[in-house]
Amino acid sequence: MKSLLMFAGLGLIAATPALAIREPKPEPAPVASESQAAPAKPTRYCVMTEATGSRIRHKTCMTRAEWLNEGFDPLKK
């Protein structure tokens, strides 16, 4: 009986370090290449306007180039 317990104990001791050494491998961080990177969005400028005869304000947002096409510079004060 003692020899059976001794072999069982040795089996546990031998298996314990093997379990302690195993660690999950970290996943590599995703690398974004230039072709996968999202293009930068142009800055949009919003202007609040009121229609004649109404108190409801309307918000219009466009890029600076679009505003300049309309004849209005949103950055000019």
PDB file of N, CA and C in Angstrom:
ATOM      1  N   MET A   1       0.815  -1.187   0.000  1.00  0.00           N
ATOM      2  CA  MET A   1       0.000   0.000   0.000  1.00  0.00           C
ATOM      3  C   MET A   1       0.861   1.253   0.000  1.00  0.00           C
ATOM      4  N   LYS A   2       1.958   1.244   0.790  1.00  0.00           N
ATOM      5  CA  LYS A   2       2.839   2.397   0.850  1.00  0.00           C
ATOM      6  C   LYS A   2       3.461   2.682  -0.506  1.00  0.00           C
ATOM      7  N   SER A   3       3.819   1.642  -1.244  1.00  0.00           N
ATOM      8  CA  SER A   3       4.440   1.847  -2.549  1.00  0.00           C
ATOM      9  C   SER A   3       3.439   2.458  -3.543  1.00  0.00           C
ATOM     10  N   LEU A   4       2.171   2.074  -3.415  1.00  0.00           N
ATOM     11  CA  LEU A   4       1.132   2.626  -4.281  1.00  0.00           C
ATOM     12  C   LEU A   4       0.951   4.126  -4.005  1.00  0.00           C
ATOM     13  N   LEU A   5       0.916   4.501  -2.744  1.00  0.00           N
ATOM     14  CA  LEU A   5       0.808   5.918  -2.373  1.00  0.00           C
ATOM     15  C   LEU A   5       2.044   6.696  -2.814  1.00  0.00           C
ATOM     16  N   MET A   6       3.214   6.069  -2.708  1.00  0.00           N
ATOM     17  CA  MET A   6       4.453   6.732  -3.102  1.00  0.00           C
ATOM     18  C   MET A   6       4.454   6.993  -4.614  1.00  0.00           C
ATOM     19  N   PHE A   7       4.014   6.012  -5.409  1.00  0.00           N
ATOM     20  CA  PHE A   7       3.962   6.205  -6.860  1.00  0.00           C
ATOM     21  C   PHE A   7       2.913   7.260  -7.248  1.00  0.00           C
ATOM     22  N   ALA A   8       1.801   7.266  -6.543  1.00  0.00           N
ATOM     23  CA  ALA A   8       0.772   8.273  -6.808  1.00  0.00           C
ATOM     24  C   ALA A   8       1.292   9.662  -6.462  1.00  0.00           C
ATOM     25  N   GLY A   9       1.996   9.787  -5.337  1.00  0.00           N
ATOM     26  CA  GLY A   9       2.571  11.068  -4.929  1.00  0.00           C
ATOM     27  C   GLY A   9       3.621  11.544  -5.914  1.00  0.00           C
ATOM     28  N   LEU A  10       4.462  10.630  -6.388  1.00  0.00           N
ATOM     29  CA  LEU A  10       5.490  10.997  -7.369  1.00  0.00           C
ATOM     30  C   LEU A  10       4.849  11.436  -8.688  1.00  0.00           C
ATOM     31  N   GLY A  11       3.749  10.787  -9.035  1.00  0.00           N
ATOM     32  CA  GLY A  11       3.040  11.168 -10.267  1.00  0.00           C
ATOM     33  C   GLY A  11       2.483  12.579 -10.159  1.00  0.00           C
ATOM     34  N   LEU A  12       1.943  12.930  -9.005  1.00  0.00           N
ATOM     35  CA  LEU A  12       1.426  14.285  -8.791  1.00  0.00           C
ATOM     36  C   LEU A  12       2.547  15.319  -8.816  1.00  0.00           C
ATOM     37  N   ILE A  13       3.657  14.991  -8.182  1.00  0.00           N
ATOM     38  CA  ILE A  13       4.788  15.918  -8.143  1.00  0.00           C
ATOM     39  C   ILE A  13       5.346  16.119  -9.552  1.00  0.00           C
ATOM     40  N   ALA A  14       5.418  15.062 -10.321  1.00  0.00           N
ATOM     41  CA  ALA A  14       5.961  15.169 -11.682  1.00  0.00           C
ATOM     42  C   ALA A  14       5.031  15.958 -12.600  1.00  0.00           C
ATOM     43  N   ALA A  15       3.708  15.864 -12.385  1.00  0.00           N
ATOM     44  CA  ALA A  15       2.756  16.548 -13.268  1.00  0.00           C
ATOM     45  C   ALA A  15       2.580  18.021 -12.901  1.00  0.00           C
ATOM     46  N   THR A  16       2.820  18.397 -11.671  1.00  0.00           N
ATOM     47  CA  THR A  16       2.584  19.764 -11.204  1.00  0.00           C
ATOM     48  C   THR A  16       3.443  20.798 -11.932  1.00  0.00           C
ATOM     49  N   PRO A  17       4.762  20.612 -12.070  1.00  0.00           N
ATOM     50  CA  PRO A  17       5.540  21.635 -12.787  1.00  0.00           C
ATOM     51  C   PRO A  17       5.126  21.788 -14.249  1.00  0.00           C
ATOM     52  N   ALA A  18       4.703  20.702 -14.873  1.00  0.00           N
ATOM     53  CA  ALA A  18       4.286  20.784 -16.270  1.00  0.00           C
ATOM     54  C   ALA A  18       3.038  21.652 -16.402  1.00  0.00           C
ATOM     55  N   LEU A  19       2.137  21.580 -15.444  1.00  0.00           N
ATOM     56  CA  LEU A  19       0.938  22.409 -15.483  1.00  0.00           C
ATOM     57  C   LEU A  19       1.265  23.864 -15.186  1.00  0.00           C
ATOM     58  N   ALA A  20       2.231  24.115 -14.326  1.00  0.00           N
ATOM     59  CA  ALA A  20       2.583  25.476 -13.960  1.00  0.00           C
ATOM     60  C   ALA A  20       3.310  26.200 -15.096  1.00  0.00           C
ATOM     61  N   ILE A  21       3.994  25.480 -15.937  1.00  0.00           N
ATOM     62  CA  ILE A  21       4.767  26.097 -17.020  1.00  0.00           C
ATOM     63  C   ILE A  21       3.861  26.572 -18.143  1.00  0.00           C
ATOM     64  N   ARG A  22       2.763  25.904 -18.377  1.00  0.00           N
ATOM     65  CA  ARG A  22       1.875  26.260 -19.479  1.00  0.00           C
ATOM     66  C   ARG A  22       1.172  27.586 -19.199  1.00  0.00           C
ATOM     67  N   GLU A  23       1.383  28.509 -20.067  1.00  0.00           N
ATOM     68  CA  GLU A  23       0.718  29.813 -19.974  1.00  0.00           C
ATOM     69  C   GLU A  23       0.072  30.105 -21.324  1.00  0.00           C
ATOM     70  N   PRO A  24      -1.082  30.750 -21.312  1.00  0.00           N
ATOM     71  CA  PRO A  24      -1.703  31.076 -22.594  1.00  0.00           C
ATOM     72  C   PRO A  24      -0.855  32.086 -23.361  1.00  0.00           C
ATOM     73  N   LYS A  25      -0.767  31.877 -24.647  1.00  0.00           N
ATOM     74  CA  LYS A  25       0.000  32.792 -25.483  1.00  0.00           C
ATOM     75  C   LYS A  25      -0.837  34.036 -25.760  1.00  0.00           C
ATOM     76  N   PRO A  26      -0.249  35.205 -25.586  1.00  0.00           N
ATOM     77  CA  PRO A  26      -1.017  36.429 -25.885  1.00  0.00           C
ATOM     78  C   PRO A  26      -1.216  36.566 -27.389  1.00  0.00           C
ATOM     79  N   GLU A  27      -2.395  37.088 -27.751  1.00  0.00           N
ATOM     80  CA  GLU A  27      -2.671  37.280 -29.167  1.00  0.00           C
ATOM     81  C   GLU A  27      -1.925  38.508 -29.662  1.00  0.00           C
ATOM     82  N   PRO A  28      -1.357  38.447 -30.853  1.00  0.00           N
ATOM     83  CA  PRO A  28      -0.646  39.616 -31.369  1.00  0.00           C
ATOM     84  C   PRO A  28      -1.622  40.751 -31.650  1.00  0.00           C
ATOM     85  N   ALA A  29      -1.172  41.960 -31.396  1.00  0.00           N
ATOM     86  CA  ALA A  29      -2.011  43.130 -31.646  1.00  0.00           C
ATOM     87  C   ALA A  29      -2.178  43.320 -33.147  1.00  0.00           C
ATOM     88  N   PRO A  30      -3.375  43.677 -33.596  1.00  0.00           N
ATOM     89  CA  PRO A  30      -3.579  43.888 -35.031  1.00  0.00           C
ATOM     90  C   PRO A  30      -2.774  45.097 -35.512  1.00  0.00           C
ATOM     91  N   VAL A  31      -2.164  44.932 -36.660  1.00  0.00           N
ATOM     92  CA  VAL A  31      -1.358  45.998 -37.237  1.00  0.00           C
ATOM     93  C   VAL A  31      -2.114  46.567 -38.431  1.00  0.00           C
ATOM     94  N   ALA A  32      -2.375  47.865 -38.380  1.00  0.00           N
ATOM     95  CA  ALA A  32      -3.089  48.519 -39.487  1.00  0.00           C
ATOM     96  C   ALA A  32      -2.064  49.022 -40.501  1.00  0.00           C
ATOM     97  N   SER A  33      -2.209  48.571 -41.713  1.00  0.00           N
ATOM     98  CA  SER A  33      -1.323  49.062 -42.754  1.00  0.00           C
ATOM     99  C   SER A  33      -1.934  50.313 -43.380  1.00  0.00           C
ATOM    100  N   GLU A  34      -1.176  50.986 -44.193  1.00  0.00           N
ATOM    101  CA  GLU A  34      -1.658  52.221 -44.811  1.00  0.00           C
ATOM    102  C   GLU A  34      -2.871  51.976 -45.696  1.00  0.00           C
ATOM    103  N   SER A  35      -2.930  50.807 -46.340  1.00  0.00           N
ATOM    104  CA  SER A  35      -4.047  50.530 -47.225  1.00  0.00           C
ATOM    105  C   SER A  35      -5.328  50.234 -46.435  1.00  0.00           C
ATOM    106  N   GLN A  36      -5.202  49.789 -45.178  1.00  0.00           N
ATOM    107  CA  GLN A  36      -6.363  49.467 -44.372  1.00  0.00           C
ATOM    108  C   GLN A  36      -6.809  50.642 -43.498  1.00  0.00           C
ATOM    109  N   ALA A  37      -5.972  51.644 -43.324  1.00  0.00           N
ATOM    110  CA  ALA A  37      -6.307  52.762 -42.454  1.00  0.00           C
ATOM    111  C   ALA A  37      -7.448  53.567 -43.062  1.00  0.00           C
ATOM    112  N   ALA A  38      -8.352  54.015 -42.198  1.00  0.00           N
ATOM    113  CA  ALA A  38      -9.490  54.806 -42.668  1.00  0.00           C
ATOM    114  C   ALA A  38      -9.013  56.199 -43.071  1.00  0.00           C
ATOM    115  N   PRO A  39      -9.503  56.717 -44.180  1.00  0.00           N
ATOM    116  CA  PRO A  39      -9.091  58.058 -44.591  1.00  0.00           C
ATOM    117  C   PRO A  39      -9.634  59.094 -43.607  1.00  0.00           C
ATOM    118  N   ALA A  40      -8.892  60.161 -43.420  1.00  0.00           N
ATOM    119  CA  ALA A  40      -9.312  61.217 -42.500  1.00  0.00           C
ATOM    120  C   ALA A  40     -10.519  61.954 -43.082  1.00  0.00           C
ATOM    121  N   LYS A  41     -11.505  62.193 -42.237  1.00  0.00           N
ATOM    122  CA  LYS A  41     -12.701  62.898 -42.687  1.00  0.00           C
ATOM    123  C   LYS A  41     -12.422  64.389 -42.679  1.00  0.00           C
ATOM    124  N   PRO A  42     -12.899  65.109 -43.688  1.00  0.00           N
ATOM    125  CA  PRO A  42     -12.689  66.562 -43.698  1.00  0.00           C
ATOM    126  C   PRO A  42     -13.523  67.224 -42.602  1.00  0.00           C
ATOM    127  N   THR A  43     -13.037  68.332 -42.098  1.00  0.00           N
ATOM    128  CA  THR A  43     -13.748  69.060 -41.051  1.00  0.00           C
ATOM    129  C   THR A  43     -15.009  69.676 -41.629  1.00  0.00           C
ATOM    130  N   ARG A  44     -16.102  69.498 -40.894  1.00  0.00           N
ATOM    131  CA  ARG A  44     -17.384  70.063 -41.323  1.00  0.00           C
ATOM    132  C   ARG A  44     -17.720  71.234 -40.415  1.00  0.00           C
ATOM    133  N   TYR A  45     -18.278  72.270 -40.986  1.00  0.00           N
ATOM    134  CA  TYR A  45     -18.677  73.463 -40.252  1.00  0.00           C
ATOM    135  C   TYR A  45     -20.198  73.563 -40.318  1.00  0.00           C
ATOM    136  N   CYS A  46     -20.817  73.767 -39.156  1.00  0.00           N
ATOM    137  CA  CYS A  46     -22.274  73.828 -39.077  1.00  0.00           C
ATOM    138  C   CYS A  46     -22.708  75.265 -38.809  1.00  0.00           C
ATOM    139  N   VAL A  47     -23.779  75.688 -39.482  1.00  0.00           N
ATOM    140  CA  VAL A  47     -24.333  77.029 -39.349  1.00  0.00           C
ATOM    141  C   VAL A  47     -25.813  76.891 -39.025  1.00  0.00           C
ATOM    142  N   MET A  48     -26.253  77.641 -38.011  1.00  0.00           N
ATOM    143  CA  MET A  48     -27.662  77.652 -37.636  1.00  0.00           C
ATOM    144  C   MET A  48     -28.344  78.828 -38.342  1.00  0.00           C
ATOM    145  N   THR A  49     -29.456  78.555 -39.010  1.00  0.00           N
ATOM    146  CA  THR A  49     -30.195  79.605 -39.722  1.00  0.00           C
ATOM    147  C   THR A  49     -31.661  79.565 -39.318  1.00  0.00           C
ATOM    148  N   GLU A  50     -32.338  80.715 -39.459  1.00  0.00           N
ATOM    149  CA  GLU A  50     -33.779  80.794 -39.214  1.00  0.00           C
ATOM    150  C   GLU A  50     -34.454  81.215 -40.506  1.00  0.00           C
ATOM    151  N   ALA A  51     -35.524  80.539 -40.841  1.00  0.00           N
ATOM    152  CA  ALA A  51     -36.301  80.913 -42.022  1.00  0.00           C
ATOM    153  C   ALA A  51     -37.192  82.098 -41.649  1.00  0.00           C
ATOM    154  N   THR A  52     -37.440  82.976 -42.588  1.00  0.00           N
ATOM    155  CA  THR A  52     -38.299  84.128 -42.354  1.00  0.00           C
ATOM    156  C   THR A  52     -39.709  83.662 -41.997  1.00  0.00           C
ATOM    157  N   GLY A  53     -40.256  84.206 -40.907  1.00  0.00           N
ATOM    158  CA  GLY A  53     -41.607  83.844 -40.494  1.00  0.00           C
ATOM    159  C   GLY A  53     -41.666  82.605 -39.628  1.00  0.00           C
ATOM    160  N   SER A  54     -40.530  82.100 -39.210  1.00  0.00           N
ATOM    161  CA  SER A  54     -40.513  80.901 -38.385  1.00  0.00           C
ATOM    162  C   SER A  54     -39.482  81.071 -37.274  1.00  0.00           C
ATOM    163  N   ARG A  55     -39.764  80.482 -36.128  1.00  0.00           N
ATOM    164  CA  ARG A  55     -38.788  80.517 -35.036  1.00  0.00           C
ATOM    165  C   ARG A  55     -37.968  79.227 -34.985  1.00  0.00           C
ATOM    166  N   ILE A  56     -38.250  78.308 -35.864  1.00  0.00           N
ATOM    167  CA  ILE A  56     -37.525  77.040 -35.896  1.00  0.00           C
ATOM    168  C   ILE A  56     -36.181  77.256 -36.586  1.00  0.00           C
ATOM    169  N   ARG A  57     -35.123  76.891 -35.874  1.00  0.00           N
ATOM    170  CA  ARG A  57     -33.774  77.039 -36.434  1.00  0.00           C
ATOM    171  C   ARG A  57     -33.401  75.768 -37.191  1.00  0.00           C
ATOM    172  N   HIS A  58     -32.644  75.956 -38.237  1.00  0.00           N
ATOM    173  CA  HIS A  58     -32.220  74.834 -39.080  1.00  0.00           C
ATOM    174  C   HIS A  58     -30.696  74.793 -39.082  1.00  0.00           C
ATOM    175  N   LYS A  59     -30.124  73.611 -38.891  1.00  0.00           N
ATOM    176  CA  LYS A  59     -28.673  73.439 -38.855  1.00  0.00           C
ATOM    177  C   LYS A  59     -28.206  72.830 -40.167  1.00  0.00           C
ATOM    178  N   THR A  60     -27.237  73.500 -40.813  1.00  0.00           N
ATOM    179  CA  THR A  60     -26.668  73.020 -42.066  1.00  0.00           C
ATOM    180  C   THR A  60     -25.173  72.810 -41.863  1.00  0.00           C
ATOM    181  N   CYS A  61     -24.677  71.622 -42.189  1.00  0.00           N
ATOM    182  CA  CYS A  61     -23.258  71.293 -42.022  1.00  0.00           C
ATOM    183  C   CYS A  61     -22.642  70.930 -43.373  1.00  0.00           C
ATOM    184  N   MET A  62     -21.518  71.566 -43.684  1.00  0.00           N
ATOM    185  CA  MET A  62     -20.777  71.284 -44.924  1.00  0.00           C
ATOM    186  C   MET A  62     -19.294  71.503 -44.666  1.00  0.00           C
ATOM    187  N   THR A  63     -18.465  71.019 -45.590  1.00  0.00           N
ATOM    188  CA  THR A  63     -17.037  71.292 -45.498  1.00  0.00           C
ATOM    189  C   THR A  63     -16.786  72.736 -45.906  1.00  0.00           C
ATOM    190  N   ARG A  64     -15.591  73.235 -45.622  1.00  0.00           N
ATOM    191  CA  ARG A  64     -15.283  74.623 -45.962  1.00  0.00           C
ATOM    192  C   ARG A  64     -15.348  74.841 -47.471  1.00  0.00           C
ATOM    193  N   ALA A  65     -14.870  73.863 -48.233  1.00  0.00           N
ATOM    194  CA  ALA A  65     -14.909  73.992 -49.694  1.00  0.00           C
ATOM    195  C   ALA A  65     -16.350  74.081 -50.195  1.00  0.00           C
ATOM    196  N   GLU A  66     -17.247  73.306 -49.597  1.00  0.00           N
ATOM    197  CA  GLU A  66     -18.656  73.361 -49.996  1.00  0.00           C
ATOM    198  C   GLU A  66     -19.273  74.715 -49.636  1.00  0.00           C
ATOM    199  N   TRP A  67     -18.912  75.249 -48.450  1.00  0.00           N
ATOM    200  CA  TRP A  67     -19.420  76.570 -48.067  1.00  0.00           C
ATOM    201  C   TRP A  67     -18.891  77.648 -49.006  1.00  0.00           C
ATOM    202  N   LEU A  68     -17.606  77.564 -49.366  1.00  0.00           N
ATOM    203  CA  LEU A  68     -17.029  78.558 -50.278  1.00  0.00           C
ATOM    204  C   LEU A  68     -17.699  78.485 -51.640  1.00  0.00           C
ATOM    205  N   ASN A  69     -18.095  77.287 -52.071  1.00  0.00           N
ATOM    206  CA  ASN A  69     -18.838  77.117 -53.322  1.00  0.00           C
ATOM    207  C   ASN A  69     -20.171  77.855 -53.268  1.00  0.00           C
ATOM    208  N   GLU A  70     -20.758  77.919 -52.066  1.00  0.00           N
ATOM    209  CA  GLU A  70     -22.034  78.609 -51.865  1.00  0.00           C
ATOM    210  C   GLU A  70     -21.845  80.127 -51.701  1.00  0.00           C
ATOM    211  N   GLY A  71     -20.581  80.560 -51.620  1.00  0.00           N
ATOM    212  CA  GLY A  71     -20.303  81.988 -51.471  1.00  0.00           C
ATOM    213  C   GLY A  71     -20.254  82.441 -50.024  1.00  0.00           C
ATOM    214  N   PHE A  72     -20.007  81.528 -49.087  1.00  0.00           N
ATOM    215  CA  PHE A  72     -19.970  81.858 -47.666  1.00  0.00           C
ATOM    216  C   PHE A  72     -18.717  81.225 -47.054  1.00  0.00           C
ATOM    217  N   ASP A  73     -17.957  82.020 -46.270  1.00  0.00           N
ATOM    218  CA  ASP A  73     -16.774  81.494 -45.602  1.00  0.00           C
ATOM    219  C   ASP A  73     -17.119  81.308 -44.114  1.00  0.00           C
ATOM    220  N   PRO A  74     -17.218  80.072 -43.632  1.00  0.00           N
ATOM    221  CA  PRO A  74     -17.615  79.856 -42.231  1.00  0.00           C
ATOM    222  C   PRO A  74     -16.558  80.302 -41.226  1.00  0.00           C
ATOM    223  N   LEU A  75     -15.333  80.508 -41.654  1.00  0.00           N
ATOM    224  CA  LEU A  75     -14.272  80.918 -40.734  1.00  0.00           C
ATOM    225  C   LEU A  75     -14.120  82.437 -40.653  1.00  0.00           C
ATOM    226  N   LYS A  76     -14.728  83.144 -41.581  1.00  0.00           N
ATOM    227  CA  LYS A  76     -14.633  84.605 -41.611  1.00  0.00           C
ATOM    228  C   LYS A  76     -15.633  85.183 -40.618  1.00  0.00           C
ATOM    229  N   LYS A  77     -15.175  86.106 -39.796  1.00  0.00           N
ATOM    230  CA  LYS A  77     -16.071  86.698 -38.802  1.00  0.00           C
ATOM    231  C   LYS A  77     -16.387  88.130 -39.117  1.00  0.00           C
TER     232      LYS A  77
END
